[in-house]
């Protein structure tokens, strides 16, 4: 049985004009570790138009947040300035937005904090980065301890 072929007229329709060549597969990294005794998995996938970061505990993903890295205003220039050593404040122009899930004000606030910190770290590594960062979170429970926060960010830094 022979495979069907396209006629020469079909190949000249100009369908390939808007196709952008990109590396495949998308760059992906994984890290895992214990955060206050809970197995935590972190991954990143760098798509052409978005950067996806997931942080899961027990296989959960219950909250999705997006953070556009493109400046909200041309007057904003903090991404061009180098961060001071040890400066953990997120960039001021970042505006996290919950896409799915939240589970209350506390969970949403903590999710926005993680999304802003992760997006700031990505922007500080590459000030020219303008893709939207999408963060998926799935915590077993909300842990407000400083140690847990820094342990999770340490895992994230391994994949960004």
N, C-alpha and C. Protein backbone atom coordinates (compact mmCIF):
# COMPACT_ATOMS: atom_id res chain seq x y z
N UNK A 1 0.84 -1.17 0.00
CA UNK A 1 0.00 0.00 0.00
C UNK A 1 0.90 1.24 0.00
N UNK A 2 0.65 2.15 -0.89
CA UNK A 2 1.48 3.35 -0.98
C UNK A 2 0.89 4.48 -0.13
N UNK A 3 1.78 5.34 0.32
CA UNK A 3 1.35 6.48 1.12
C UNK A 3 0.84 7.59 0.21
N UNK A 4 -0.22 8.27 0.62
CA UNK A 4 -0.72 9.38 -0.21
C UNK A 4 0.29 10.52 -0.21
N UNK A 5 0.36 11.22 -1.31
CA UNK A 5 1.27 12.36 -1.43
C UNK A 5 0.47 13.62 -1.74
N UNK A 6 1.04 14.76 -1.40
CA UNK A 6 0.38 16.02 -1.68
C UNK A 6 0.71 16.44 -3.11
N UNK A 7 -0.27 17.02 -3.75
CA UNK A 7 -0.01 17.51 -5.11
C UNK A 7 0.87 18.75 -5.02
N UNK A 8 1.54 19.08 -6.09
CA UNK A 8 2.45 20.23 -6.08
C UNK A 8 1.70 21.53 -5.84
N UNK A 9 0.44 21.62 -6.18
CA UNK A 9 -0.34 22.84 -5.95
C UNK A 9 -0.57 23.10 -4.48
N UNK A 10 -0.67 22.07 -3.67
CA UNK A 10 -0.92 22.24 -2.24
C UNK A 10 0.31 22.79 -1.54
N UNK A 11 1.48 22.44 -1.99
CA UNK A 11 2.70 22.89 -1.32
C UNK A 11 2.97 24.37 -1.51
N UNK A 12 2.32 25.00 -2.46
CA UNK A 12 2.56 26.42 -2.73
C UNK A 12 1.49 27.34 -2.14
N UNK A 13 0.77 26.90 -1.13
CA UNK A 13 -0.29 27.71 -0.54
C UNK A 13 0.24 28.78 0.40
N UNK A 14 1.51 28.75 0.75
CA UNK A 14 2.09 29.75 1.64
C UNK A 14 1.77 29.50 3.11
N UNK A 15 1.48 28.27 3.46
CA UNK A 15 1.11 27.95 4.84
C UNK A 15 2.29 28.02 5.78
N UNK A 16 3.51 27.98 5.29
CA UNK A 16 4.69 27.97 6.14
C UNK A 16 5.25 29.36 6.43
N UNK A 17 4.59 30.41 5.98
CA UNK A 17 5.12 31.76 6.14
C UNK A 17 5.22 32.19 7.60
N UNK A 18 4.25 31.82 8.44
CA UNK A 18 4.22 32.27 9.83
C UNK A 18 4.82 31.25 10.79
N UNK A 19 5.40 30.21 10.30
CA UNK A 19 5.98 29.19 11.17
C UNK A 19 7.36 29.63 11.61
N UNK A 20 7.58 29.59 12.91
CA UNK A 20 8.86 29.99 13.47
C UNK A 20 9.60 28.73 13.90
N UNK A 21 10.81 28.56 13.42
CA UNK A 21 11.61 27.41 13.81
C UNK A 21 12.04 27.55 15.26
N UNK A 22 11.76 26.55 16.06
CA UNK A 22 12.13 26.56 17.48
C UNK A 22 12.74 25.22 17.84
N UNK A 23 13.58 25.21 18.86
CA UNK A 23 14.17 23.95 19.28
C UNK A 23 13.09 23.03 19.84
N UNK A 24 13.21 21.76 19.53
CA UNK A 24 12.28 20.77 20.05
C UNK A 24 13.09 19.61 20.58
N UNK A 25 12.80 19.08 21.67
CA UNK A 25 11.72 19.48 22.56
C UNK A 25 12.09 20.72 23.35
N UNK A 26 11.09 21.30 24.00
CA UNK A 26 11.33 22.50 24.82
C UNK A 26 12.29 22.14 25.95
N UNK A 27 13.14 23.10 26.31
CA UNK A 27 14.11 22.88 27.38
C UNK A 27 13.37 22.59 28.69
N UNK A 28 13.71 21.49 29.32
CA UNK A 28 13.02 21.03 30.53
C UNK A 28 14.04 20.64 31.59
N UNK A 29 13.76 21.02 32.83
CA UNK A 29 14.62 20.64 33.96
C UNK A 29 13.74 20.20 35.13
N UNK A 30 14.30 19.30 35.95
CA UNK A 30 13.61 18.79 37.13
C UNK A 30 14.54 18.83 38.34
N UNK A 31 13.94 19.03 39.51
CA UNK A 31 14.67 18.93 40.78
C UNK A 31 13.68 18.42 41.82
N UNK A 32 14.21 17.74 42.81
CA UNK A 32 13.38 17.22 43.90
C UNK A 32 14.15 17.35 45.19
N UNK A 33 13.41 17.49 46.28
CA UNK A 33 14.04 17.59 47.59
C UNK A 33 13.00 17.58 48.69
N UNK A 34 13.47 17.51 49.90
CA UNK A 34 12.58 17.55 51.06
C UNK A 34 12.45 18.98 51.55
N UNK A 35 11.23 19.42 51.72
CA UNK A 35 10.95 20.73 52.29
C UNK A 35 10.18 20.49 53.58
N UNK A 36 10.88 20.66 54.70
CA UNK A 36 10.31 20.40 56.02
C UNK A 36 9.67 19.01 56.08
N UNK A 37 10.39 18.03 55.53
CA UNK A 37 9.97 16.65 55.59
C UNK A 37 9.00 16.20 54.50
N UNK A 38 8.63 17.08 53.60
CA UNK A 38 7.68 16.75 52.53
C UNK A 38 8.42 16.71 51.19
N UNK A 39 8.30 15.59 50.48
CA UNK A 39 8.92 15.44 49.16
C UNK A 39 8.32 16.49 48.22
N UNK A 40 9.19 17.29 47.63
CA UNK A 40 8.75 18.39 46.77
C UNK A 40 9.45 18.26 45.42
N UNK A 41 8.66 18.31 44.36
CA UNK A 41 9.19 18.22 42.99
C UNK A 41 8.99 19.56 42.29
N UNK A 42 10.04 20.00 41.60
CA UNK A 42 9.99 21.26 40.88
C UNK A 42 10.42 20.99 39.45
N UNK A 43 9.73 21.60 38.49
CA UNK A 43 10.12 21.44 37.09
C UNK A 43 9.97 22.76 36.37
N UNK A 44 10.70 22.88 35.27
CA UNK A 44 10.56 24.04 34.39
C UNK A 44 10.54 23.56 32.96
N UNK A 45 9.72 24.22 32.17
CA UNK A 45 9.67 23.97 30.73
C UNK A 45 9.69 25.34 30.06
N UNK A 46 10.69 25.57 29.22
CA UNK A 46 10.84 26.84 28.53
C UNK A 46 10.27 26.72 27.12
N UNK A 47 9.00 27.13 26.97
CA UNK A 47 8.36 27.16 25.66
C UNK A 47 8.75 28.46 24.96
N UNK A 48 8.43 28.56 23.69
CA UNK A 48 8.77 29.75 22.91
C UNK A 48 8.05 30.98 23.47
N UNK A 49 6.81 30.83 23.90
CA UNK A 49 6.03 31.99 24.33
C UNK A 49 5.81 32.08 25.84
N UNK A 50 6.09 31.01 26.58
CA UNK A 50 5.86 31.01 28.02
C UNK A 50 6.93 30.17 28.72
N UNK A 51 7.09 30.46 30.00
CA UNK A 51 7.96 29.65 30.86
C UNK A 51 7.06 29.02 31.91
N UNK A 52 7.05 27.70 31.98
CA UNK A 52 6.19 26.98 32.92
C UNK A 52 7.04 26.44 34.06
N UNK A 53 6.67 26.80 35.28
CA UNK A 53 7.33 26.30 36.49
C UNK A 53 6.27 25.59 37.32
N UNK A 54 6.54 24.36 37.73
CA UNK A 54 5.60 23.67 38.62
C UNK A 54 6.31 23.29 39.91
N UNK A 55 5.59 23.43 41.01
CA UNK A 55 6.07 23.02 42.34
C UNK A 55 4.98 22.14 42.91
N UNK A 56 5.30 20.85 43.10
CA UNK A 56 4.28 19.92 43.56
C UNK A 56 4.73 19.17 44.80
N UNK A 57 3.77 18.85 45.63
CA UNK A 57 3.98 17.99 46.79
C UNK A 57 2.89 16.93 46.74
N UNK A 58 3.31 15.68 46.72
CA UNK A 58 2.34 14.59 46.63
C UNK A 58 1.61 14.55 45.30
N UNK A 59 2.22 15.07 44.24
CA UNK A 59 1.60 15.03 42.91
C UNK A 59 0.48 16.04 42.70
N UNK A 60 0.30 16.95 43.61
CA UNK A 60 -0.78 17.94 43.52
C UNK A 60 -0.40 19.10 42.60
N UNK A 61 -1.40 19.66 41.93
CA UNK A 61 -1.32 20.96 41.26
C UNK A 61 -2.69 21.59 41.44
N UNK A 62 -2.78 22.56 42.33
CA UNK A 62 -4.09 23.11 42.67
C UNK A 62 -4.23 24.60 42.41
N UNK A 63 -3.17 25.24 41.98
CA UNK A 63 -3.22 26.69 41.78
C UNK A 63 -2.30 27.05 40.61
N UNK A 64 -2.81 27.88 39.70
CA UNK A 64 -2.04 28.33 38.55
C UNK A 64 -2.03 29.85 38.52
N UNK A 65 -0.85 30.41 38.39
CA UNK A 65 -0.66 31.87 38.42
C UNK A 65 0.21 32.26 37.23
N UNK A 66 -0.13 33.36 36.57
CA UNK A 66 0.73 33.86 35.49
C UNK A 66 1.30 35.21 35.87
N UNK A 67 2.52 35.44 35.39
CA UNK A 67 3.20 36.72 35.63
C UNK A 67 3.88 37.14 34.33
N UNK A 68 3.32 38.14 33.63
CA UNK A 68 3.99 38.64 32.43
C UNK A 68 5.30 39.35 32.82
N UNK A 69 6.38 39.03 32.12
CA UNK A 69 7.66 39.67 32.41
C UNK A 69 7.84 40.97 31.65
N UNK A 70 7.05 41.17 30.62
CA UNK A 70 7.14 42.43 29.88
C UNK A 70 6.72 43.56 30.80
N UNK A 71 7.45 44.65 30.77
CA UNK A 71 7.16 45.79 31.65
C UNK A 71 5.77 46.35 31.38
N UNK A 72 5.10 46.71 32.46
CA UNK A 72 3.77 47.29 32.34
C UNK A 72 3.84 48.71 31.78
N UNK A 73 4.96 49.36 31.95
CA UNK A 73 5.12 50.74 31.49
C UNK A 73 6.54 50.91 30.96
N UNK A 74 6.71 51.69 29.89
CA UNK A 74 8.07 51.92 29.38
C UNK A 74 8.94 52.65 30.39
N UNK A 75 8.33 53.31 31.37
CA UNK A 75 9.12 54.03 32.38
C UNK A 75 9.73 53.09 33.41
N UNK A 76 9.24 51.86 33.45
CA UNK A 76 9.77 50.90 34.41
C UNK A 76 11.12 50.41 33.91
N UNK A 77 12.12 50.51 34.75
CA UNK A 77 13.46 50.10 34.31
C UNK A 77 14.15 49.23 35.33
N UNK A 78 13.41 48.73 36.33
CA UNK A 78 14.09 47.97 37.37
C UNK A 78 14.65 46.64 36.89
N UNK A 79 14.17 46.13 35.75
CA UNK A 79 14.75 44.88 35.24
C UNK A 79 16.14 45.10 34.67
N UNK A 80 16.45 46.34 34.30
CA UNK A 80 17.76 46.62 33.73
C UNK A 80 18.82 46.87 34.81
N UNK A 81 18.37 47.08 36.04
CA UNK A 81 19.30 47.34 37.11
C UNK A 81 19.69 46.04 37.78
N UNK A 82 20.96 45.84 38.07
CA UNK A 82 21.36 44.61 38.74
C UNK A 82 20.81 44.59 40.16
N UNK A 83 20.39 43.40 40.60
CA UNK A 83 19.87 43.27 41.96
C UNK A 83 21.03 43.35 42.95
N UNK A 84 20.78 43.99 44.06
CA UNK A 84 21.79 44.05 45.11
C UNK A 84 22.02 42.66 45.67
N UNK A 85 23.23 42.38 46.11
CA UNK A 85 23.51 41.06 46.67
C UNK A 85 22.57 40.77 47.82
N UNK A 86 21.92 39.62 47.76
CA UNK A 86 21.04 39.21 48.83
C UNK A 86 19.67 39.87 48.78
N UNK A 87 19.41 40.71 47.78
CA UNK A 87 18.12 41.38 47.66
C UNK A 87 17.07 40.37 47.23
N UNK A 88 16.08 40.12 48.08
CA UNK A 88 15.04 39.14 47.79
C UNK A 88 13.72 39.79 47.43
N UNK A 89 13.67 41.12 47.30
CA UNK A 89 12.42 41.77 46.95
C UNK A 89 12.11 41.50 45.48
N UNK A 90 10.84 41.16 45.18
CA UNK A 90 10.48 40.95 43.78
C UNK A 90 10.49 42.28 43.02
N UNK A 91 10.65 42.20 41.72
CA UNK A 91 10.64 43.40 40.88
C UNK A 91 9.29 44.08 41.00
N UNK A 92 9.30 45.41 41.03
CA UNK A 92 8.08 46.15 41.34
C UNK A 92 7.04 46.14 40.22
N UNK A 93 7.42 45.90 38.99
CA UNK A 93 6.46 45.95 37.90
C UNK A 93 5.72 44.63 37.68
N UNK A 94 6.08 43.59 38.39
CA UNK A 94 5.44 42.29 38.19
C UNK A 94 4.04 42.28 38.79
N UNK A 95 3.12 41.69 38.04
CA UNK A 95 1.73 41.68 38.45
C UNK A 95 1.17 40.26 38.32
N UNK A 96 1.28 39.45 39.38
CA UNK A 96 0.78 38.08 39.30
C UNK A 96 -0.75 38.05 39.22
N UNK A 97 -1.25 37.09 38.46
CA UNK A 97 -2.70 36.94 38.31
C UNK A 97 -3.04 35.46 38.43
N UNK A 98 -3.97 35.15 39.32
CA UNK A 98 -4.40 33.77 39.49
C UNK A 98 -5.25 33.36 38.29
N UNK A 99 -4.88 32.25 37.66
CA UNK A 99 -5.64 31.72 36.53
C UNK A 99 -6.66 30.70 36.99
N UNK A 100 -6.23 29.77 37.83
CA UNK A 100 -7.09 28.70 38.33
C UNK A 100 -6.76 28.42 39.78
N UNK A 101 -7.77 28.12 40.56
CA UNK A 101 -7.57 27.71 41.94
C UNK A 101 -7.10 28.86 42.80
N UNK A 102 -7.16 28.68 44.07
CA UNK A 102 -6.62 29.62 45.06
C UNK A 102 -6.85 29.03 46.43
N UNK A 103 -8.11 28.79 46.80
CA UNK A 103 -8.38 28.17 48.09
C UNK A 103 -8.33 29.13 49.25
N UNK A 104 -8.67 30.38 49.03
CA UNK A 104 -8.70 31.36 50.10
C UNK A 104 -7.64 32.43 49.95
N UNK A 105 -7.80 33.48 50.74
CA UNK A 105 -6.90 34.63 50.64
C UNK A 105 -5.45 34.27 50.97
N UNK A 106 -5.26 33.47 52.01
CA UNK A 106 -3.89 33.12 52.42
C UNK A 106 -3.18 32.33 51.34
N UNK A 107 -3.85 31.32 50.79
CA UNK A 107 -3.24 30.50 49.74
C UNK A 107 -2.95 31.35 48.50
N UNK A 108 -3.86 32.25 48.15
CA UNK A 108 -3.63 33.09 46.98
C UNK A 108 -2.46 34.05 47.21
N UNK A 109 -2.38 34.64 48.39
CA UNK A 109 -1.28 35.55 48.71
C UNK A 109 0.06 34.83 48.66
N UNK A 110 0.12 33.64 49.26
CA UNK A 110 1.37 32.86 49.23
C UNK A 110 1.71 32.47 47.79
N UNK A 111 0.72 32.10 47.01
CA UNK A 111 0.96 31.76 45.61
C UNK A 111 1.51 32.94 44.82
N UNK A 112 0.95 34.12 45.06
CA UNK A 112 1.45 35.32 44.38
C UNK A 112 2.87 35.65 44.81
N UNK A 113 3.17 35.41 46.08
CA UNK A 113 4.54 35.65 46.56
C UNK A 113 5.53 34.74 45.84
N UNK A 114 5.22 33.44 45.77
CA UNK A 114 6.11 32.51 45.06
C UNK A 114 6.23 32.88 43.59
N UNK A 115 5.11 33.17 42.93
CA UNK A 115 5.13 33.50 41.50
C UNK A 115 5.96 34.76 41.25
N UNK A 116 5.83 35.77 42.11
CA UNK A 116 6.60 37.01 41.95
C UNK A 116 8.09 36.76 42.16
N UNK A 117 8.43 35.97 43.18
CA UNK A 117 9.85 35.66 43.46
C UNK A 117 10.48 34.88 42.31
N UNK A 118 9.76 33.89 41.81
CA UNK A 118 10.27 33.06 40.71
C UNK A 118 10.45 33.92 39.46
N UNK A 119 9.45 34.74 39.15
CA UNK A 119 9.52 35.60 37.96
C UNK A 119 10.65 36.61 38.08
N UNK A 120 10.84 37.15 39.27
CA UNK A 120 11.95 38.09 39.50
C UNK A 120 13.29 37.41 39.28
N UNK A 121 13.43 36.18 39.77
CA UNK A 121 14.68 35.44 39.59
C UNK A 121 14.97 35.21 38.11
N UNK A 122 13.94 34.87 37.36
CA UNK A 122 14.11 34.65 35.91
C UNK A 122 14.50 35.96 35.23
N UNK A 123 13.81 37.05 35.57
CA UNK A 123 14.10 38.35 34.95
C UNK A 123 15.48 38.86 35.34
N UNK A 124 15.91 38.59 36.57
CA UNK A 124 17.24 39.03 36.99
C UNK A 124 18.35 38.24 36.29
N UNK A 125 18.09 36.99 35.97
CA UNK A 125 19.09 36.20 35.23
C UNK A 125 19.20 36.64 33.79
N UNK A 126 18.07 37.07 33.22
CA UNK A 126 18.07 37.52 31.83
C UNK A 126 17.16 38.74 31.71
N UNK A 127 17.71 39.95 31.83
CA UNK A 127 16.89 41.17 31.78
C UNK A 127 16.13 41.35 30.47
N UNK A 128 16.54 40.66 29.41
CA UNK A 128 15.85 40.75 28.12
C UNK A 128 14.64 39.82 28.03
N UNK A 129 14.44 38.98 29.02
CA UNK A 129 13.34 38.01 29.00
C UNK A 129 12.00 38.73 29.03
N UNK A 130 11.10 38.35 28.12
CA UNK A 130 9.79 39.02 28.08
C UNK A 130 8.63 38.02 28.03
N UNK A 131 8.93 36.73 28.11
CA UNK A 131 7.84 35.74 28.10
C UNK A 131 7.04 35.82 29.39
N UNK A 132 5.85 35.28 29.35
CA UNK A 132 5.02 35.18 30.55
C UNK A 132 5.43 33.93 31.32
N UNK A 133 5.55 34.07 32.63
CA UNK A 133 5.86 32.94 33.50
C UNK A 133 4.54 32.40 34.04
N UNK A 134 4.32 31.10 33.90
CA UNK A 134 3.15 30.44 34.45
C UNK A 134 3.64 29.51 35.55
N UNK A 135 3.12 29.70 36.76
CA UNK A 135 3.56 28.92 37.91
C UNK A 135 2.40 28.05 38.37
N UNK A 136 2.65 26.75 38.45
CA UNK A 136 1.68 25.81 38.99
C UNK A 136 2.12 25.37 40.37
N UNK A 137 1.24 25.51 41.35
CA UNK A 137 1.57 25.17 42.73
C UNK A 137 0.66 24.07 43.24
N UNK A 138 1.21 23.19 44.04
CA UNK A 138 0.42 22.13 44.65
C UNK A 138 1.00 21.75 45.99
N UNK A 139 0.81 22.61 46.97
CA UNK A 139 1.36 22.36 48.31
C UNK A 139 0.43 21.46 49.11
N UNK A 140 1.04 20.56 49.89
CA UNK A 140 0.26 19.73 50.80
C UNK A 140 -0.50 20.60 51.79
N UNK A 141 0.20 21.57 52.34
CA UNK A 141 -0.40 22.58 53.22
C UNK A 141 0.42 23.85 53.07
N UNK A 142 -0.21 24.97 53.38
CA UNK A 142 0.50 26.24 53.30
C UNK A 142 1.44 26.34 54.50
N UNK A 143 2.72 26.45 54.20
CA UNK A 143 3.74 26.56 55.24
C UNK A 143 4.29 27.97 55.20
N UNK A 144 4.04 28.74 56.26
CA UNK A 144 4.47 30.13 56.30
C UNK A 144 5.84 30.31 56.93
N UNK A 145 6.51 29.21 57.23
CA UNK A 145 7.84 29.29 57.83
C UNK A 145 8.87 29.75 56.80
N UNK A 146 9.77 30.58 57.25
CA UNK A 146 10.83 31.12 56.42
C UNK A 146 11.69 30.02 55.80
N UNK A 147 11.98 28.99 56.59
CA UNK A 147 12.80 27.88 56.11
C UNK A 147 12.18 27.19 54.90
N UNK A 148 10.88 26.95 54.95
CA UNK A 148 10.18 26.30 53.84
C UNK A 148 10.24 27.18 52.59
N UNK A 149 10.03 28.47 52.76
CA UNK A 149 10.06 29.42 51.64
C UNK A 149 11.41 29.36 50.93
N UNK A 150 12.48 29.47 51.70
CA UNK A 150 13.82 29.47 51.10
C UNK A 150 14.21 28.11 50.53
N UNK A 151 13.75 27.02 51.15
CA UNK A 151 14.02 25.68 50.61
C UNK A 151 13.36 25.51 49.25
N UNK A 152 12.13 25.98 49.12
CA UNK A 152 11.43 25.87 47.83
C UNK A 152 12.11 26.75 46.79
N UNK A 153 12.48 27.97 47.15
CA UNK A 153 13.17 28.83 46.19
C UNK A 153 14.52 28.26 45.77
N UNK A 154 15.19 27.58 46.70
CA UNK A 154 16.46 26.93 46.35
C UNK A 154 16.24 25.84 45.30
N UNK A 155 15.17 25.06 45.45
CA UNK A 155 14.86 24.05 44.44
C UNK A 155 14.52 24.70 43.11
N UNK A 156 13.77 25.79 43.15
CA UNK A 156 13.38 26.48 41.91
C UNK A 156 14.63 27.00 41.19
N UNK A 157 15.59 27.53 41.93
CA UNK A 157 16.82 28.06 41.31
C UNK A 157 17.60 26.97 40.59
N UNK A 158 17.40 25.71 40.95
CA UNK A 158 18.07 24.62 40.26
C UNK A 158 17.50 24.35 38.88
N UNK A 159 16.25 24.79 38.64
CA UNK A 159 15.61 24.48 37.36
C UNK A 159 15.43 25.69 36.45
N UNK A 160 15.69 26.90 36.96
CA UNK A 160 15.50 28.06 36.06
C UNK A 160 16.81 28.46 35.40
